Each structure stands twice: as structure tokens, then as C-alpha cells.
Amino acid sequence: MKTCKAGGCSTQTNGFSSYCERHKRTKARHGHPQQTGVKKSDLKQYLKEIESYLKTVSASNANDIIDDIWSRTVAKAKAHIDGTTRGVSFNVHELQAAQAIVSLSWEADSKTICCLLMAMGFWYEYDQRRWKYDEGFRFQTVRMLLRLNPREAAYKWSVNGLTRSVYREIPPRTIRALWSIIEETKLVLYGMEIARRKARALAIARQKASAERDAILGPEQTGGEA
């Protein structure tokens, strides 16, 4: 029997897989055997960063452009679905991805969707230690996007007044097809660039503050007067 190849795991593999059952399920769900899931609350601070940037730095027509990007994405997904009804050959996972995009467009507005994608890009750039595995990041971005759609919830239950949802599992190939659609919008890349610009602005501000401090305080005295 082989040992699971996930780092630090000594469990025997399952069937023909290179991973044990636990890490095999994690890889299928999260994109990497050692990738952990993320919660909506984890994304809140990065959503605030994107919303603030759009209000204070972006051009006045930025929201119109964002709306247009998502409208084109949905139109392309609809065209893909329509093609399959006319007998055009199709890949089932690409069809499922297109259907997920159209379904999402019925449940969430374009700004909410696009801000989430940009926030994920901001998070990726800002906290790279959190995202050690690119495939894991892609899977988590897709999963966070689909959570905007209540139709994706397999079931819900309430505990102490809080409603929680369990979302249905999406085949890994469908997740990859959805990532291809997301990547084409370039919204994740825009979020990454916003994070880089903020980092540069903070570095410049720190340099300016340091220069002002040095100018006011002058050289540090190393000894008392004679």
C-alpha cells in the first residue's frame, strides 16, 4: 500500500489515488489537498477595500464598465447554452459552467458579483501566505462566487436564530470551466493591481513620514555636552 503524498500525511492511499480519502475529497472540493476553505466573513475587509477604491479613485464611469463586463459574460454564457439546443457539440462541464453564470445573473447584481471577484484578487495579492496553491485559490474564488446564488444551496438550517447553508458540490472540471470564464473578465487581475497600488502608496507615505521625522529631529545625539 502507498502512503498519501499530501505533505505530513502518513495515511494509506485509497484505491488508485495518490491521496488518502480525506485529502482526495479536499483536493476535489478545494483544488489542492492542503487548501482550506474560506468564509464570507474572511472576505469582508477586502470587499471594503474594493468598494472604497471604486468610490475614491476609480473613474466616474467605472461602475458602468463593470456592469458591461458582466453583461458580456452573461451574454456569452447564454449564447453557449443556446448553441447546445441547436445541436452544436458541447462539453458538459463548460455547459454547466455557463448555466451557473446565467443562474447567478438572476440572483445577484453585476456590481456585487464583480466586486467579489476583485476582492478575491486583492486578497490573493495582499496575503500571499494564505494562498500557497494557485489551484486552491481558483477553486475558492469559484466557490465564493457561487455562494452569491441561493439556488446553489443544497439545504439550509437554523441554529440560535442564525441561518446556515450547505452548498452542493460542484465537479472539479466544472469549477475549472467556471474559472476560465472568470479569468476572461480580468476582474481578479484588477483586484490584484488595486492591492499593489495600495501597497506602493503606503510605502511612499511611510518614506515621506520617515523623511519628515529625520528632518525635524535631525541626527540623533550620541553623547552629552562636555
Foldseek 3Di string as FASTA:
>chain_A
DAAQPPPPGRDHPDDPDSHRPQLVVCCFQQVGSPADADDPVVLVVLLVLLVVCCVPPDDPCVVVVLQVLLVVLLVVLVVVLVCVVVVDDDDPLLVVLSVLSNQLVVQDHSVVLLSLLLSLLLCCQQCVVNPVDPSSSLSNSLVVSSVSHPVQFPDWDDDPRDIDTHGDGDGSSSSVSNSVSSVVSCSSVNSNVSNVVVVVVVVVVVVVVVVVVCVVVPDDDDDDDD
